[in-house]
Amino acid sequence: MDHQIDETELVPRKKAKIRFREKILSEWNYCCAYCAEPLGKNATLDHVIPKWKGGLTEQKNLVGCCFSCNSRKSGHDWKQWFLGQEFWTEAREVRIAEWLEQ
């Protein structure tokens, strides 16, 4: 599929992907959902529930994430991994959990 219909606008696929990514990064204020560092050029999207564990590529399973956290988390359970990090905070854990439940 080369296009996506967004409300009443036909959007080229590439533009739709950019909008999808930007919406997620914006929701996380362009900061890593885990360590809260500004994302800058190393912005990635992390599948909170990894694809190999059944996680889908949909907004509620993707968070803005720095390359470092994304690499270290890898396919680990997000909550177990996050609890072991020095930058863990209860507030961010709650925010991620709420994001998953949207």
Protein backbone atom coordinates (compact mmCIF):
# COMPACT_ATOMS: atom_id res chain seq x y z
CA MET A 1 0.00 0.00 0.00
CA ASP A 2 1.47 3.33 -1.07
CA HIS A 3 -1.06 5.59 0.64
CA GLN A 4 -3.06 5.87 3.82
CA ILE A 5 -6.29 7.76 4.35
CA ASP A 6 -5.98 10.15 7.30
CA GLU A 7 -9.45 11.55 8.03
CA THR A 8 -10.25 12.97 4.58
CA GLU A 9 -6.68 13.33 3.33
CA LEU A 10 -4.87 10.74 1.23
CA VAL A 11 -1.36 10.61 2.71
CA PRO A 12 1.61 8.98 0.97
CA ARG A 13 2.93 6.02 2.97
CA LYS A 14 6.29 7.66 3.72
CA LYS A 15 4.58 10.78 5.09
CA ALA A 16 2.18 8.62 7.16
CA LYS A 17 5.14 6.78 8.72
CA ILE A 18 6.84 10.08 9.57
CA ARG A 19 3.64 11.40 11.17
CA PHE A 20 3.20 8.15 13.14
CA ARG A 21 6.77 8.35 14.47
CA GLU A 22 6.56 12.07 15.26
CA LYS A 23 3.28 11.62 17.15
CA ILE A 24 4.88 9.03 19.45
CA LEU A 25 8.07 11.04 19.98
CA SER A 26 5.99 14.14 20.69
CA GLU A 27 3.89 12.26 23.28
CA TRP A 28 7.16 11.49 25.11
CA ASN A 29 8.34 15.12 24.75
CA TYR A 30 11.24 13.94 22.59
CA CYS A 31 12.78 12.30 25.67
CA CYS A 32 13.55 8.65 26.33
CA ALA A 33 10.63 6.97 28.10
CA TYR A 34 13.09 5.06 30.27
CA CYS A 35 16.04 7.32 31.17
CA ALA A 36 14.31 10.66 30.34
CA GLU A 37 17.32 11.96 28.39
CA PRO A 38 16.54 14.22 25.40
CA LEU A 39 16.46 12.10 22.24
CA GLY A 40 18.08 14.31 19.64
CA LYS A 41 19.51 12.42 16.68
CA ASN A 42 19.63 9.04 18.42
CA ALA A 43 15.83 8.82 18.73
CA THR A 44 14.40 5.36 18.27
CA LEU A 45 11.04 3.78 18.93
CA ASP A 46 11.09 0.84 21.32
CA HIS A 47 8.56 -1.99 21.21
CA VAL A 48 7.80 -2.08 24.94
CA ILE A 49 6.52 -5.63 24.50
CA PRO A 50 9.05 -7.04 22.02
CA LYS A 51 7.78 -8.20 18.64
CA TRP A 52 9.14 -11.69 19.26
CA LYS A 53 6.95 -11.88 22.39
CA GLY A 54 3.84 -10.87 20.44
CA GLY A 55 4.16 -7.09 20.75
CA LEU A 56 2.63 -5.23 17.84
CA THR A 57 3.91 -2.24 15.92
CA GLU A 58 1.16 0.04 17.11
CA GLN A 59 1.21 3.35 18.96
CA LYS A 60 0.36 1.91 22.39
CA ASN A 61 3.31 -0.51 22.24
CA LEU A 62 5.91 2.00 21.05
CA VAL A 63 7.69 4.62 23.14
CA GLY A 64 10.32 7.21 22.36
CA CYS A 65 13.63 5.71 23.37
CA CYS A 66 17.32 6.56 23.14
CA PHE A 67 19.54 4.17 21.24
CA SER A 68 21.39 3.20 24.41
CA CYS A 69 18.26 2.13 26.34
CA ASN A 70 16.79 0.43 23.28
CA SER A 71 19.97 -1.60 22.82
CA ARG A 72 20.30 -2.52 26.50
CA LYS A 73 16.63 -3.40 26.95
CA SER A 74 16.66 -5.50 23.79
CA GLY A 75 14.04 -8.25 24.15
CA HIS A 76 13.87 -8.19 27.95
CA ASP A 77 10.61 -7.73 29.81
CA TRP A 78 10.37 -3.95 30.07
CA LYS A 79 9.33 -3.79 33.71
CA GLN A 80 11.99 -6.21 35.00
CA TRP A 81 14.66 -4.46 32.95
CA PHE A 82 13.50 -0.97 33.96
CA LEU A 83 13.38 -1.79 37.69
CA GLY A 84 17.06 -2.72 37.54
CA GLN A 85 18.16 0.60 36.03
CA GLU A 86 19.68 3.39 38.12
CA PHE A 87 17.41 5.89 36.35
CA TRP A 88 14.20 4.03 37.29
CA THR A 89 11.44 6.16 38.75
CA GLU A 90 7.99 5.11 39.83
CA ALA A 91 6.47 8.00 37.88
CA ARG A 92 8.00 6.85 34.57
CA GLU A 93 7.05 3.23 35.29
CA VAL A 94 3.43 4.32 35.82
CA ARG A 95 3.52 6.48 32.68
CA ILE A 96 4.76 3.57 30.54
CA ALA A 97 2.19 1.19 32.05
CA GLU A 98 -0.59 3.71 31.36
CA TRP A 99 0.68 4.15 27.80
CA LEU A 100 0.43 0.39 27.24
CA GLU A 101 -3.17 0.39 28.47
CA GLN A 102 -4.41 3.22 26.22
